Amino acid sequence: MAEGLAYNGSRPAPSRAELAYLRRGMHEPGGKLPLFDRRGQEISPEIIQTCITNGWAEHWFANPLKPDWLVCRLTLVGRNLVQQLRPENAVEN
């Protein structure tokens, strides 16, 4: 693993909702992150933006039909975070 890519606690811990969002990209092609939760509700833009700000996710491409949607994918840092953290280690929302 390249230096600086592992989650070592130097970054803020994700909330449970953020970690659940990131986990959904683990088995998707290219690490694509969902736009909707498992109940069909839109993922909160605040969750997505926090994940981008912390380097766990990155904007992937613009959706020409829905330009306001943030189509994102996991970064290597986000992938490592998900692999290292258990849900009980996430912070409360």
C-alpha atoms as a PDB file:
ATOM      1  CA  MET A   1       0.000   0.000   0.000  1.00  0.00           C
ATOM      2  CA  ALA A   2       1.402   3.394  -0.942  1.00  0.00           C
ATOM      3  CA  GLU A   3       2.391   5.680   1.877  1.00  0.00           C
ATOM      4  CA  GLY A   4      -0.338   8.082   2.947  1.00  0.00           C
ATOM      5  CA  LEU A   5      -3.153   6.093   1.356  1.00  0.00           C
ATOM      6  CA  ALA A   6      -4.194   4.099   4.399  1.00  0.00           C
ATOM      7  CA  TYR A   7      -6.698   5.389   6.898  1.00  0.00           C
ATOM      8  CA  ASN A   8      -4.608   6.054   9.974  1.00  0.00           C
ATOM      9  CA  GLY A   9      -6.904   8.196  12.053  1.00  0.00           C
ATOM     10  CA  SER A  10      -5.249  11.456  10.985  1.00  0.00           C
ATOM     11  CA  ARG A  11      -8.363  12.324   8.976  1.00  0.00           C
ATOM     12  CA  PRO A  12     -11.779  12.678  10.581  1.00  0.00           C
ATOM     13  CA  ALA A  13     -13.725   9.457  10.986  1.00  0.00           C
ATOM     14  CA  PRO A  14     -16.779   9.130   8.758  1.00  0.00           C
ATOM     15  CA  SER A  15     -20.277   9.121  10.187  1.00  0.00           C
ATOM     16  CA  ARG A  16     -22.265   5.899   9.993  1.00  0.00           C
ATOM     17  CA  ALA A  17     -24.237   7.329   7.062  1.00  0.00           C
ATOM     18  CA  GLU A  18     -21.041   8.304   5.230  1.00  0.00           C
ATOM     19  CA  LEU A  19     -19.479   4.903   5.826  1.00  0.00           C
ATOM     20  CA  ALA A  20     -22.643   3.147   4.616  1.00  0.00           C
ATOM     21  CA  TYR A  21     -22.582   5.300   1.465  1.00  0.00           C
ATOM     22  CA  LEU A  22     -18.916   4.505   0.820  1.00  0.00           C
ATOM     23  CA  ARG A  23     -19.426   0.770   1.426  1.00  0.00           C
ATOM     24  CA  ARG A  24     -21.951   0.664  -1.415  1.00  0.00           C
ATOM     25  CA  GLY A  25     -19.181   1.476  -3.917  1.00  0.00           C
ATOM     26  CA  MET A  26     -16.953  -1.435  -2.918  1.00  0.00           C
ATOM     27  CA  HIS A  27     -18.526  -3.941  -5.297  1.00  0.00           C
ATOM     28  CA  GLU A  28     -19.590  -1.610  -8.089  1.00  0.00           C
ATOM     29  CA  PRO A  29     -17.663  -1.275 -11.351  1.00  0.00           C
ATOM     30  CA  GLY A  30     -15.108   1.507 -10.980  1.00  0.00           C
ATOM     31  CA  GLY A  31     -16.171   2.038  -7.361  1.00  0.00           C
ATOM     32  CA  LYS A  32     -19.310   3.921  -8.479  1.00  0.00           C
ATOM     33  CA  LEU A  33     -21.178   5.350  -5.528  1.00  0.00           C
ATOM     34  CA  PRO A  34     -24.981   5.332  -5.406  1.00  0.00           C
ATOM     35  CA  LEU A  35     -27.269   8.249  -6.041  1.00  0.00           C
ATOM     36  CA  PHE A  36     -30.062   6.653  -3.996  1.00  0.00           C
ATOM     37  CA  ASP A  37     -30.155   4.660  -0.768  1.00  0.00           C
ATOM     38  CA  ARG A  38     -31.602   1.150  -0.518  1.00  0.00           C
ATOM     39  CA  ARG A  39     -35.086   2.617   0.109  1.00  0.00           C
ATOM     40  CA  GLY A  40     -34.932   4.682  -3.086  1.00  0.00           C
ATOM     41  CA  GLN A  41     -34.322   7.997  -1.326  1.00  0.00           C
ATOM     42  CA  GLU A  42     -31.736  10.390  -2.762  1.00  0.00           C
ATOM     43  CA  ILE A  43     -28.413  10.311  -0.898  1.00  0.00           C
ATOM     44  CA  SER A  44     -27.998  13.562   1.002  1.00  0.00           C
ATOM     45  CA  PRO A  45     -25.782  16.034  -0.896  1.00  0.00           C
ATOM     46  CA  GLU A  46     -24.122  16.823   2.456  1.00  0.00           C
ATOM     47  CA  ILE A  47     -23.008  13.188   2.806  1.00  0.00           C
ATOM     48  CA  ILE A  48     -21.617  13.173  -0.715  1.00  0.00           C
ATOM     49  CA  GLN A  49     -19.851  16.519  -0.296  1.00  0.00           C
ATOM     50  CA  THR A  50     -18.286  15.495   3.026  1.00  0.00           C
ATOM     51  CA  CYS A  51     -16.930  12.336   1.411  1.00  0.00           C
ATOM     52  CA  ILE A  52     -15.468  14.391  -1.457  1.00  0.00           C
ATOM     53  CA  THR A  53     -13.980  16.984   0.916  1.00  0.00           C
ATOM     54  CA  ASN A  54     -12.298  14.258   2.972  1.00  0.00           C
ATOM     55  CA  GLY A  55     -10.870  12.564  -0.111  1.00  0.00           C
ATOM     56  CA  TRP A  56     -12.949   9.387   0.276  1.00  0.00           C
ATOM     57  CA  ALA A  57     -14.895   9.982  -2.945  1.00  0.00           C
ATOM     58  CA  GLU A  58     -14.347  11.981  -6.097  1.00  0.00           C
ATOM     59  CA  HIS A  59     -16.634  13.481  -8.684  1.00  0.00           C
ATOM     60  CA  TRP A  60     -16.585  11.066 -11.622  1.00  0.00           C
ATOM     61  CA  PHE A  61     -18.557  12.607 -14.461  1.00  0.00           C
ATOM     62  CA  ALA A  62     -21.395  14.983 -15.186  1.00  0.00           C
ATOM     63  CA  ASN A  63     -24.804  13.493 -15.937  1.00  0.00           C
ATOM     64  CA  PRO A  64     -26.141  15.461 -18.926  1.00  0.00           C
ATOM     65  CA  LEU A  65     -29.755  14.611 -18.028  1.00  0.00           C
ATOM     66  CA  LYS A  66     -29.371  15.554 -14.362  1.00  0.00           C
ATOM     67  CA  PRO A  67     -26.502  18.063 -14.086  1.00  0.00           C
ATOM     68  CA  ASP A  68     -27.215  18.672 -10.381  1.00  0.00           C
ATOM     69  CA  TRP A  69     -26.517  15.008  -9.488  1.00  0.00           C
ATOM     70  CA  LEU A  70     -23.072  14.254  -8.104  1.00  0.00           C
ATOM     71  CA  VAL A  71     -21.960  11.053  -9.814  1.00  0.00           C
ATOM     72  CA  CYS A  72     -19.009   9.914  -7.723  1.00  0.00           C
ATOM     73  CA  ARG A  73     -16.700   6.978  -7.182  1.00  0.00           C
ATOM     74  CA  LEU A  74     -14.513   5.764  -4.356  1.00  0.00           C
ATOM     75  CA  THR A  75     -10.956   6.997  -4.198  1.00  0.00           C
ATOM     76  CA  LEU A  76      -8.161   4.684  -3.097  1.00  0.00           C
ATOM     77  CA  VAL A  77      -8.228   6.426   0.279  1.00  0.00           C
ATOM     78  CA  GLY A  78     -11.988   5.798   0.517  1.00  0.00           C
ATOM     79  CA  ARG A  79     -11.563   2.152  -0.441  1.00  0.00           C
ATOM     80  CA  ASN A  80      -8.866   1.696   2.208  1.00  0.00           C
ATOM     81  CA  LEU A  81     -11.033   3.446   4.794  1.00  0.00           C
ATOM     82  CA  VAL A  82     -13.967   1.116   4.115  1.00  0.00           C
ATOM     83  CA  GLN A  83     -11.718  -1.947   4.319  1.00  0.00           C
ATOM     84  CA  GLN A  84     -10.211  -0.833   7.631  1.00  0.00           C
ATOM     85  CA  LEU A  85     -13.201   0.561   9.515  1.00  0.00           C
ATOM     86  CA  ARG A  86     -16.056  -1.420  10.960  1.00  0.00           C
ATOM     87  CA  PRO A  87     -19.453   0.320  11.187  1.00  0.00           C
ATOM     88  CA  GLU A  88     -19.178   0.475  14.992  1.00  0.00           C
ATOM     89  CA  ASN A  89     -16.009   2.598  14.609  1.00  0.00           C
ATOM     90  CA  ALA A  90     -17.837   5.299  12.643  1.00  0.00           C
ATOM     91  CA  VAL A  91     -18.976   8.374  14.510  1.00  0.00           C
ATOM     92  CA  GLU A  92     -22.608   9.036  15.315  1.00  0.00           C
ATOM     93  CA  ASN A  93     -24.405  11.412  12.951  1.00  0.00           C
END
